[in-house]
Amino acid sequence: MLPRDDSWRTPETTALFEAILRLETVDEAARFFRDLCTLGELHDMAQRWAVVRLLDEGLHYAEISRRTGASTATITRIAAWLHHGEGGYRLLLDRLAGRPEGRAAPSETEAPASGASPRGGDR
C-alpha cells in the first residue's frame, strides 16, 4: 500500500460515505449520484470502474482503452491504485466475484507499468 495520506478524510467525507451506505437499491443509488454529480463526473467514475474490472480480467491496456475510451495514462494510474492503493478496488472486486477478500485474481500477480504513479491527480 502507498503511504497513507488521510487529509481527505474529513467529517464531510465521512457523512457522504455514511449516506451512501444507506442506499438500498440500484435505483436509489442512481438517483442519489445523479443529484450529487455532474454527468461528466458520473461518466468518469463509471469509466474508472469499467477499467478496474477489465484490469482484473487481465486485459491488455490497449484493449481496455479500445473498449472504454480511457487513455493508457489513465489506465496506468488506475492499475497503480488497484495494486498499491487503499484496497477499495480489490475489496469490491472480491465481493462482487464471491472471492475471499484480499485474495488477488490471477492478473494481480502482474505489476503495473514502470513509472506508474498512483498519485497522478486522483487524490
N, C-alpha and C. Protein backbone atom coordinates (compact mmCIF):
# COMPACT_ATOMS: atom_id res chain seq x y z
N MET A 1 0.83 -1.18 0.00
CA MET A 1 0.00 0.00 0.00
C MET A 1 0.88 1.25 0.00
N LEU A 2 0.32 2.28 -0.54
CA LEU A 2 1.02 3.56 -0.57
C LEU A 2 1.01 4.18 0.82
N PRO A 3 1.96 5.08 1.09
CA PRO A 3 1.89 5.79 2.37
C PRO A 3 0.53 6.47 2.49
N ARG A 4 -0.04 6.37 3.65
CA ARG A 4 -1.39 6.88 3.85
C ARG A 4 -1.40 8.39 4.01
N ASP A 5 -2.21 9.05 3.20
CA ASP A 5 -2.47 10.47 3.33
C ASP A 5 -3.96 10.60 3.63
N ASP A 6 -4.28 10.81 4.87
CA ASP A 6 -5.67 10.85 5.30
C ASP A 6 -6.24 12.26 5.33
N SER A 7 -5.57 13.23 4.67
CA SER A 7 -6.04 14.61 4.72
C SER A 7 -7.41 14.77 4.05
N TRP A 8 -7.79 13.86 3.18
CA TRP A 8 -9.09 13.92 2.52
C TRP A 8 -10.21 13.40 3.41
N ARG A 9 -9.83 12.71 4.50
CA ARG A 9 -10.83 12.17 5.42
C ARG A 9 -11.27 13.29 6.37
N THR A 10 -12.45 13.79 6.12
CA THR A 10 -13.00 14.90 6.89
C THR A 10 -14.38 14.50 7.41
N PRO A 11 -14.94 15.28 8.30
CA PRO A 11 -16.32 14.99 8.72
C PRO A 11 -17.29 14.99 7.52
N GLU A 12 -17.00 15.82 6.52
CA GLU A 12 -17.87 15.88 5.35
C GLU A 12 -17.78 14.61 4.51
N THR A 13 -16.55 14.09 4.30
CA THR A 13 -16.44 12.85 3.52
C THR A 13 -17.04 11.68 4.30
N THR A 14 -16.84 11.67 5.60
CA THR A 14 -17.45 10.62 6.42
C THR A 14 -18.96 10.66 6.33
N ALA A 15 -19.55 11.85 6.39
CA ALA A 15 -21.00 11.99 6.27
C ALA A 15 -21.48 11.50 4.89
N LEU A 16 -20.71 11.80 3.84
CA LEU A 16 -21.06 11.34 2.50
C LEU A 16 -21.05 9.81 2.45
N PHE A 17 -19.99 9.18 2.96
CA PHE A 17 -19.89 7.72 2.92
C PHE A 17 -21.01 7.08 3.74
N GLU A 18 -21.33 7.68 4.88
CA GLU A 18 -22.43 7.15 5.69
C GLU A 18 -23.76 7.25 4.94
N ALA A 19 -23.96 8.34 4.21
CA ALA A 19 -25.18 8.49 3.41
C ALA A 19 -25.24 7.43 2.32
N ILE A 20 -24.12 7.20 1.65
CA ILE A 20 -24.07 6.19 0.57
C ILE A 20 -24.41 4.81 1.11
N LEU A 21 -23.95 4.50 2.31
CA LEU A 21 -24.23 3.19 2.90
C LEU A 21 -25.71 2.99 3.22
N ARG A 22 -26.48 4.05 3.24
CA ARG A 22 -27.92 3.95 3.50
C ARG A 22 -28.73 3.64 2.23
N LEU A 23 -28.10 3.74 1.07
CA LEU A 23 -28.80 3.43 -0.18
C LEU A 23 -29.10 1.94 -0.23
N GLU A 24 -30.30 1.61 -0.68
CA GLU A 24 -30.72 0.21 -0.63
C GLU A 24 -30.86 -0.46 -1.98
N THR A 25 -31.01 0.32 -3.05
CA THR A 25 -31.21 -0.28 -4.36
C THR A 25 -30.37 0.45 -5.40
N VAL A 26 -30.22 -0.18 -6.56
CA VAL A 26 -29.50 0.47 -7.66
C VAL A 26 -30.24 1.75 -8.06
N ASP A 27 -31.56 1.71 -8.08
CA ASP A 27 -32.33 2.91 -8.44
C ASP A 27 -32.07 4.04 -7.45
N GLU A 28 -32.05 3.74 -6.16
CA GLU A 28 -31.75 4.77 -5.16
C GLU A 28 -30.35 5.34 -5.38
N ALA A 29 -29.39 4.46 -5.65
CA ALA A 29 -28.02 4.92 -5.89
C ALA A 29 -27.96 5.80 -7.13
N ALA A 30 -28.64 5.39 -8.18
CA ALA A 30 -28.66 6.18 -9.41
C ALA A 30 -29.25 7.56 -9.16
N ARG A 31 -30.35 7.62 -8.44
CA ARG A 31 -30.99 8.90 -8.15
C ARG A 31 -30.08 9.79 -7.31
N PHE A 32 -29.46 9.22 -6.28
CA PHE A 32 -28.59 9.99 -5.40
C PHE A 32 -27.37 10.51 -6.16
N PHE A 33 -26.68 9.62 -6.87
CA PHE A 33 -25.46 10.04 -7.57
C PHE A 33 -25.77 11.01 -8.70
N ARG A 34 -26.94 10.89 -9.35
CA ARG A 34 -27.28 11.84 -10.40
C ARG A 34 -27.51 13.23 -9.82
N ASP A 35 -28.09 13.30 -8.63
CA ASP A 35 -28.26 14.59 -7.95
C ASP A 35 -26.92 15.13 -7.45
N LEU A 36 -26.05 14.25 -7.00
CA LEU A 36 -24.77 14.65 -6.40
C LEU A 36 -23.74 15.06 -7.44
N CYS A 37 -23.69 14.37 -8.57
CA CYS A 37 -22.60 14.51 -9.53
C CYS A 37 -23.07 15.11 -10.84
N THR A 38 -22.12 15.72 -11.55
CA THR A 38 -22.39 16.13 -12.93
C THR A 38 -22.38 14.88 -13.81
N LEU A 39 -22.92 15.00 -15.01
CA LEU A 39 -22.87 13.87 -15.94
C LEU A 39 -21.43 13.49 -16.24
N GLY A 40 -20.54 14.47 -16.35
CA GLY A 40 -19.12 14.18 -16.59
C GLY A 40 -18.49 13.40 -15.45
N GLU A 41 -18.82 13.78 -14.22
CA GLU A 41 -18.27 13.06 -13.06
C GLU A 41 -18.78 11.62 -13.02
N LEU A 42 -20.07 11.44 -13.32
CA LEU A 42 -20.62 10.08 -13.36
C LEU A 42 -19.96 9.25 -14.45
N HIS A 43 -19.76 9.86 -15.62
CA HIS A 43 -19.10 9.16 -16.72
C HIS A 43 -17.69 8.77 -16.31
N ASP A 44 -16.95 9.69 -15.71
CA ASP A 44 -15.56 9.40 -15.31
C ASP A 44 -15.50 8.27 -14.28
N MET A 45 -16.38 8.31 -13.29
CA MET A 45 -16.38 7.24 -12.27
C MET A 45 -16.76 5.90 -12.88
N ALA A 46 -17.77 5.90 -13.76
CA ALA A 46 -18.18 4.64 -14.40
C ALA A 46 -17.06 4.10 -15.28
N GLN A 47 -16.36 5.00 -15.99
CA GLN A 47 -15.25 4.57 -16.83
C GLN A 47 -14.13 3.98 -15.98
N ARG A 48 -13.80 4.61 -14.87
CA ARG A 48 -12.76 4.07 -13.98
C ARG A 48 -13.14 2.69 -13.47
N TRP A 49 -14.39 2.51 -13.08
CA TRP A 49 -14.82 1.21 -12.58
C TRP A 49 -14.77 0.16 -13.69
N ALA A 50 -15.11 0.54 -14.91
CA ALA A 50 -15.00 -0.38 -16.05
C ALA A 50 -13.54 -0.78 -16.26
N VAL A 51 -12.63 0.19 -16.18
CA VAL A 51 -11.20 -0.08 -16.33
C VAL A 51 -10.73 -1.05 -15.25
N VAL A 52 -11.13 -0.83 -14.02
CA VAL A 52 -10.73 -1.71 -12.92
C VAL A 52 -11.18 -3.14 -13.19
N ARG A 53 -12.43 -3.30 -13.62
CA ARG A 53 -12.95 -4.64 -13.88
C ARG A 53 -12.19 -5.32 -15.01
N LEU A 54 -11.86 -4.57 -16.06
CA LEU A 54 -11.12 -5.16 -17.18
C LEU A 54 -9.68 -5.47 -16.80
N LEU A 55 -9.06 -4.62 -15.98
CA LEU A 55 -7.72 -4.94 -15.47
C LEU A 55 -7.76 -6.23 -14.67
N ASP A 56 -8.79 -6.39 -13.85
CA ASP A 56 -8.94 -7.59 -13.04
C ASP A 56 -9.11 -8.84 -13.90
N GLU A 57 -9.68 -8.67 -15.09
CA GLU A 57 -9.81 -9.79 -16.02
C GLU A 57 -8.50 -10.09 -16.74
N GLY A 58 -7.50 -9.21 -16.59
CA GLY A 58 -6.21 -9.44 -17.20
C GLY A 58 -6.06 -8.90 -18.61
N LEU A 59 -6.96 -8.03 -19.04
CA LEU A 59 -6.87 -7.48 -20.39
C LEU A 59 -5.69 -6.53 -20.53
N HIS A 60 -5.15 -6.45 -21.73
CA HIS A 60 -4.04 -5.56 -22.05
C HIS A 60 -4.55 -4.12 -22.07
N TYR A 61 -3.69 -3.19 -21.69
CA TYR A 61 -4.07 -1.78 -21.63
C TYR A 61 -4.67 -1.27 -22.94
N ALA A 62 -4.10 -1.67 -24.07
CA ALA A 62 -4.62 -1.21 -25.37
C ALA A 62 -6.05 -1.68 -25.59
N GLU A 63 -6.35 -2.90 -25.20
CA GLU A 63 -7.71 -3.42 -25.35
C GLU A 63 -8.67 -2.70 -24.40
N ILE A 64 -8.22 -2.44 -23.19
CA ILE A 64 -9.05 -1.70 -22.23
C ILE A 64 -9.34 -0.30 -22.77
N SER A 65 -8.33 0.33 -23.33
CA SER A 65 -8.50 1.66 -23.92
C SER A 65 -9.51 1.62 -25.06
N ARG A 66 -9.40 0.61 -25.90
CA ARG A 66 -10.32 0.47 -27.03
C ARG A 66 -11.76 0.30 -26.54
N ARG A 67 -11.93 -0.52 -25.51
CA ARG A 67 -13.28 -0.82 -25.02
C ARG A 67 -13.90 0.33 -24.23
N THR A 68 -13.09 1.06 -23.47
CA THR A 68 -13.63 2.06 -22.55
C THR A 68 -13.45 3.50 -23.02
N GLY A 69 -12.49 3.72 -23.91
CA GLY A 69 -12.16 5.08 -24.30
C GLY A 69 -11.19 5.77 -23.36
N ALA A 70 -10.78 5.09 -22.31
CA ALA A 70 -9.81 5.66 -21.36
C ALA A 70 -8.43 5.67 -21.99
N SER A 71 -7.67 6.70 -21.69
CA SER A 71 -6.30 6.77 -22.20
C SER A 71 -5.43 5.73 -21.48
N THR A 72 -4.33 5.35 -22.11
CA THR A 72 -3.43 4.40 -21.45
C THR A 72 -2.82 5.03 -20.20
N ALA A 73 -2.66 6.35 -20.17
CA ALA A 73 -2.17 7.02 -18.96
C ALA A 73 -3.17 6.86 -17.81
N THR A 74 -4.45 7.01 -18.11
CA THR A 74 -5.48 6.81 -17.09
C THR A 74 -5.50 5.37 -16.63
N ILE A 75 -5.39 4.44 -17.56
CA ILE A 75 -5.39 3.02 -17.21
C ILE A 75 -4.20 2.68 -16.34
N THR A 76 -3.03 3.24 -16.66
CA THR A 76 -1.83 3.01 -15.85
C THR A 76 -2.04 3.52 -14.43
N ARG A 77 -2.63 4.70 -14.30
CA ARG A 77 -2.87 5.28 -12.98
C ARG A 77 -3.86 4.41 -12.19
N ILE A 78 -4.92 3.96 -12.85
CA ILE A 78 -5.90 3.12 -12.18
C ILE A 78 -5.27 1.79 -11.76
N ALA A 79 -4.44 1.22 -12.62
CA ALA A 79 -3.75 -0.04 -12.29
C ALA A 79 -2.86 0.14 -11.07
N ALA A 80 -2.20 1.28 -10.98
CA ALA A 80 -1.34 1.53 -9.81
C ALA A 80 -2.17 1.58 -8.54
N TRP A 81 -3.34 2.23 -8.59
CA TRP A 81 -4.23 2.27 -7.42
C TRP A 81 -4.76 0.88 -7.10
N LEU A 82 -5.08 0.10 -8.14
CA LEU A 82 -5.57 -1.26 -7.92
C LEU A 82 -4.53 -2.09 -7.18
N HIS A 83 -3.28 -1.93 -7.56
CA HIS A 83 -2.22 -2.75 -6.98
C HIS A 83 -1.64 -2.17 -5.69
N HIS A 84 -1.65 -0.85 -5.52
CA HIS A 84 -0.93 -0.23 -4.40
C HIS A 84 -1.73 0.82 -3.65
N GLY A 85 -3.01 0.91 -3.89
CA GLY A 85 -3.82 1.95 -3.27
C GLY A 85 -4.35 1.56 -1.90
N GLU A 86 -5.52 2.05 -1.58
CA GLU A 86 -6.14 1.84 -0.28
C GLU A 86 -6.77 0.45 -0.15
N GLY A 87 -6.91 -0.27 -1.24
CA GLY A 87 -7.52 -1.59 -1.21
C GLY A 87 -9.02 -1.60 -1.50
N GLY A 88 -9.57 -0.43 -1.80
CA GLY A 88 -11.00 -0.36 -2.07
C GLY A 88 -11.42 -1.06 -3.34
N TYR A 89 -10.63 -0.90 -4.41
CA TYR A 89 -10.94 -1.60 -5.65
C TYR A 89 -10.96 -3.11 -5.41
N ARG A 90 -9.91 -3.61 -4.77
CA ARG A 90 -9.79 -5.06 -4.53
C ARG A 90 -10.94 -5.56 -3.67
N LEU A 91 -11.30 -4.81 -2.64
CA LEU A 91 -12.39 -5.20 -1.76
C LEU A 91 -13.68 -5.44 -2.55
N LEU A 92 -14.03 -4.48 -3.41
CA LEU A 92 -15.28 -4.60 -4.18
C LEU A 92 -15.18 -5.66 -5.26
N LEU A 93 -14.04 -5.76 -5.93
CA LEU A 93 -13.88 -6.81 -6.94
C LEU A 93 -14.06 -8.18 -6.31
N ASP A 94 -13.44 -8.39 -5.15
CA ASP A 94 -13.55 -9.68 -4.47
C ASP A 94 -14.98 -9.96 -4.02
N ARG A 95 -15.63 -8.96 -3.46
CA ARG A 95 -17.01 -9.17 -3.02
C ARG A 95 -17.92 -9.50 -4.20
N LEU A 96 -17.79 -8.76 -5.29
CA LEU A 96 -18.64 -8.99 -6.45
C LEU A 96 -18.38 -10.33 -7.10
N ALA A 97 -17.15 -10.83 -7.01
CA ALA A 97 -16.80 -12.11 -7.62
C ALA A 97 -16.99 -13.28 -6.66
N GLY A 98 -17.35 -12.98 -5.41
CA GLY A 98 -17.51 -14.04 -4.43
C GLY A 98 -16.21 -14.65 -3.97
N ARG A 99 -15.10 -13.92 -4.19
CA ARG A 99 -13.79 -14.40 -3.73
C ARG A 99 -13.57 -13.98 -2.28
N PRO A 100 -12.79 -14.77 -1.54
CA PRO A 100 -12.41 -14.30 -0.20
C PRO A 100 -11.69 -12.96 -0.34
N GLU A 101 -12.05 -12.01 0.50
CA GLU A 101 -11.48 -10.67 0.39
C GLU A 101 -9.98 -10.69 0.61
N GLY A 102 -9.29 -9.87 -0.19
CA GLY A 102 -7.85 -9.76 -0.07
C GLY A 102 -7.07 -10.73 -0.93
N ARG A 103 -7.75 -11.65 -1.60
CA ARG A 103 -7.07 -12.61 -2.46
C ARG A 103 -7.07 -12.08 -3.87
N ALA A 104 -5.90 -11.95 -4.41
CA ALA A 104 -5.76 -11.37 -5.74
C ALA A 104 -6.27 -12.33 -6.81
N ALA A 105 -6.85 -11.76 -7.84
CA ALA A 105 -7.20 -12.52 -9.02
C ALA A 105 -5.90 -12.85 -9.76
N PRO A 106 -5.91 -13.82 -10.68
CA PRO A 106 -4.68 -14.19 -11.39
C PRO A 106 -3.95 -13.00 -12.01
N SER A 107 -4.65 -12.02 -12.54
CA SER A 107 -3.99 -10.89 -13.19
C SER A 107 -3.29 -9.99 -12.19
N GLU A 108 -3.59 -10.13 -10.92
CA GLU A 108 -3.00 -9.27 -9.90
C GLU A 108 -1.52 -9.58 -9.67
N THR A 109 -1.04 -10.69 -10.19
CA THR A 109 0.37 -11.01 -9.98
C THR A 109 1.27 -10.15 -10.84
N GLU A 110 0.70 -9.49 -11.84
CA GLU A 110 1.49 -8.62 -12.70
C GLU A 110 1.58 -7.23 -12.08
N ALA A 111 2.76 -6.65 -12.12
CA ALA A 111 2.94 -5.30 -11.59
C ALA A 111 2.50 -4.29 -12.63
N PRO A 112 2.08 -3.09 -12.16
CA PRO A 112 1.73 -2.04 -13.13
C PRO A 112 2.94 -1.60 -13.92
N ALA A 113 2.71 -0.93 -15.03
CA ALA A 113 3.80 -0.44 -15.87
C ALA A 113 4.77 0.38 -15.06
N SER A 114 6.05 0.27 -15.38
CA SER A 114 7.05 1.02 -14.64
C SER A 114 6.80 2.51 -14.80
N GLY A 115 7.11 3.23 -13.73
CA GLY A 115 6.92 4.66 -13.74
C GLY A 115 5.51 5.09 -13.44
N ALA A 116 4.61 4.12 -13.19
CA ALA A 116 3.24 4.47 -12.88
C ALA A 116 3.18 5.13 -11.52
N SER A 117 2.51 6.24 -11.47
CA SER A 117 2.36 6.97 -10.22
C SER A 117 0.90 7.11 -9.86
N PRO A 118 0.44 6.37 -8.84
CA PRO A 118 -0.96 6.45 -8.47
C PRO A 118 -1.32 7.80 -7.89
N ARG A 119 -0.38 8.66 -7.62
CA ARG A 119 -0.69 9.97 -7.06
C ARG A 119 -1.02 10.97 -8.15
N GLY A 120 -1.11 10.51 -9.40
CA GLY A 120 -1.34 11.39 -10.53
C GLY A 120 -2.67 12.10 -10.54
N GLY A 121 -2.94 12.89 -9.53
CA GLY A 121 -4.11 13.75 -9.54
C GLY A 121 -5.39 13.10 -9.04
N ASP A 122 -5.36 11.86 -8.63
CA ASP A 122 -6.57 11.20 -8.18
C ASP A 122 -6.83 11.40 -6.70
N ARG A 123 -5.93 11.99 -6.00
CA ARG A 123 -6.14 12.14 -4.56
C ARG A 123 -6.45 13.52 -4.20
